Amino acid sequence: MPLNDARPWPTEIRLSKDGRTLTVAFDNGERYELSAEYLRVKSPSAEVQGHSPDERKTVPGKRDVMIIEVRPMGNYAVRLTFDDMHSTGIYSWDYFAELGRKHAQYWQDYLDELAAKGWSRDPVRKSR
């Protein structure tokens, strides 16, 4: 990557005490507070994104999900582990910036996909 590359570089990555919000700030002044639910349903993992756009999955029932670990992956990304044990997504700095910049659009698309399938953001409660 050229030294004069204008890509934003993270200056802060902070997980809230309750594990429900990840704050990502960049050296260009951008700062995003991203919910654990949003990060989980937009995971860059093959499990969610598939190997092509046709394979992308809509993930319901993640309203209450929490992030339990943020692990650096070299100097280019972090791996998030969620309390549903999903941990295969590697979130690059560029992907965090994209998720922040396009949050309103991506979130509405997600809500529309859930509605079209008759699914909910609420976790499925198992009866005993």
Protein backbone atom coordinates (compact mmCIF):
# COMPACT_ATOMS: atom_id res chain seq x y z
CA MET A 1 0.00 0.00 0.00
CA PRO A 2 1.49 3.38 -0.91
CA LEU A 3 2.49 5.65 1.95
CA ASN A 4 0.29 8.46 0.60
CA ASP A 5 -2.81 6.27 0.61
CA ALA A 6 -5.73 8.33 1.98
CA ARG A 7 -7.54 5.41 3.60
CA PRO A 8 -8.62 6.17 7.15
CA TRP A 9 -6.54 4.55 9.86
CA PRO A 10 -8.13 3.62 13.21
CA THR A 11 -7.15 5.69 16.22
CA GLU A 12 -9.56 4.01 18.64
CA ILE A 13 -11.46 0.75 18.86
CA ARG A 14 -13.42 0.52 22.08
CA LEU A 15 -15.96 -2.04 23.21
CA SER A 16 -18.62 -0.77 25.61
CA LYS A 17 -18.77 -2.43 29.03
CA ASP A 18 -22.02 -4.17 28.15
CA GLY A 19 -20.54 -5.57 24.89
CA ARG A 20 -23.33 -4.07 22.80
CA THR A 21 -21.48 -1.22 21.05
CA LEU A 22 -18.11 -1.01 19.33
CA THR A 23 -16.78 2.50 18.79
CA VAL A 24 -14.34 2.92 15.92
CA ALA A 25 -12.61 6.27 15.36
CA PHE A 26 -10.32 7.13 12.47
CA ASP A 27 -7.48 9.60 11.90
CA ASN A 28 -9.63 11.55 9.41
CA GLY A 29 -12.13 12.45 12.14
CA GLU A 30 -14.73 9.80 11.30
CA ARG A 31 -16.16 8.09 14.37
CA TYR A 32 -18.80 5.39 14.42
CA GLU A 33 -20.68 3.66 17.20
CA LEU A 34 -21.71 0.32 15.74
CA SER A 35 -24.09 -2.00 17.55
CA ALA A 36 -23.13 -5.61 18.15
CA GLU A 37 -26.31 -6.64 16.35
CA TYR A 38 -25.38 -4.63 13.25
CA LEU A 39 -21.83 -5.97 13.24
CA ARG A 40 -23.10 -9.55 13.68
CA VAL A 41 -25.64 -9.41 10.85
CA LYS A 42 -23.13 -7.66 8.55
CA SER A 43 -20.28 -10.02 9.43
CA PRO A 44 -17.76 -10.31 6.58
CA SER A 45 -17.58 -14.08 7.20
CA ALA A 46 -18.32 -16.59 4.46
CA GLU A 47 -21.02 -17.96 6.78
CA VAL A 48 -22.95 -14.68 6.35
CA GLN A 49 -21.67 -13.24 3.06
CA GLY A 50 -21.31 -16.55 1.24
CA HIS A 51 -18.85 -16.89 -1.62
CA SER A 52 -20.97 -14.83 -4.01
CA PRO A 53 -23.79 -12.27 -3.66
CA ASP A 54 -26.36 -15.02 -4.35
CA GLU A 55 -25.13 -16.94 -1.29
CA ARG A 56 -25.44 -14.03 1.17
CA LYS A 57 -27.53 -14.94 4.21
CA THR A 58 -29.99 -12.84 6.19
CA VAL A 59 -29.33 -13.46 9.89
CA PRO A 60 -32.42 -13.08 12.12
CA GLY A 61 -32.77 -13.03 15.90
CA LYS A 62 -29.64 -11.09 16.86
CA ARG A 63 -31.16 -8.10 18.72
CA ASP A 64 -29.60 -9.21 22.05
CA VAL A 65 -26.20 -10.38 20.75
CA MET A 66 -23.07 -9.08 22.47
CA ILE A 67 -19.41 -8.90 21.49
CA ILE A 68 -17.29 -10.82 23.98
CA GLU A 69 -13.86 -10.43 22.36
CA VAL A 70 -12.04 -8.08 20.00
CA ARG A 71 -8.82 -9.68 18.77
CA PRO A 72 -6.29 -7.85 16.56
CA MET A 73 -5.39 -9.55 13.28
CA GLY A 74 -2.02 -8.12 12.34
CA ASN A 75 -2.26 -4.38 11.80
CA TYR A 76 -5.08 -4.50 9.26
CA ALA A 77 -8.17 -5.87 11.02
CA VAL A 78 -9.82 -7.37 14.09
CA ARG A 79 -11.73 -10.58 14.65
CA LEU A 80 -14.89 -10.16 16.71
CA THR A 81 -16.30 -12.98 18.81
CA PHE A 82 -19.98 -12.73 19.66
CA ASP A 83 -21.79 -14.42 22.53
CA ASP A 84 -23.56 -16.71 20.03
CA MET A 85 -19.99 -17.97 19.37
CA HIS A 86 -19.80 -16.56 15.84
CA SER A 87 -16.14 -15.62 15.38
CA THR A 88 -15.20 -16.20 11.75
CA GLY A 89 -15.53 -12.64 10.46
CA ILE A 90 -12.41 -10.53 10.05
CA TYR A 91 -13.33 -6.84 10.05
CA SER A 92 -10.80 -4.72 8.16
CA TRP A 93 -10.42 -1.00 8.84
CA ASP A 94 -11.92 -0.30 5.41
CA TYR A 95 -14.92 -2.50 6.20
CA PHE A 96 -15.53 -0.69 9.52
CA ALA A 97 -15.44 2.64 7.66
CA GLU A 98 -17.87 1.30 5.05
CA LEU A 99 -20.23 -0.02 7.74
CA GLY A 100 -20.18 3.36 9.43
CA ARG A 101 -20.61 5.45 6.29
CA LYS A 102 -23.42 3.29 4.90
CA HIS A 103 -25.07 2.42 8.20
CA ALA A 104 -28.51 3.90 7.42
CA GLN A 105 -28.71 2.18 4.02
CA TYR A 106 -27.36 -1.19 5.20
CA TRP A 107 -29.57 -1.22 8.30
CA GLN A 108 -32.72 -0.42 6.30
CA ASP A 109 -31.81 -3.10 3.75
CA TYR A 110 -31.45 -5.59 6.60
CA LEU A 111 -34.82 -4.63 8.14
CA ASP A 112 -36.45 -4.91 4.70
CA GLU A 113 -34.93 -8.38 4.17
CA LEU A 114 -36.23 -9.55 7.55
CA ALA A 115 -39.71 -8.20 6.80
CA ALA A 116 -39.78 -9.81 3.36
CA LYS A 117 -39.00 -13.19 4.94
CA GLY A 118 -41.36 -12.72 7.89
CA TRP A 119 -38.45 -12.89 10.33
CA SER A 120 -37.65 -10.88 13.45
CA ARG A 121 -34.67 -9.22 15.09
CA ASP A 122 -35.75 -10.88 18.36
CA PRO A 123 -34.09 -14.12 19.40
CA VAL A 124 -36.16 -17.25 19.18
CA ARG A 125 -37.07 -18.31 22.71
CA LYS A 126 -37.14 -22.03 23.22
CA SER A 127 -39.93 -23.34 25.42
CA ARG A 128 -39.20 -26.02 27.97
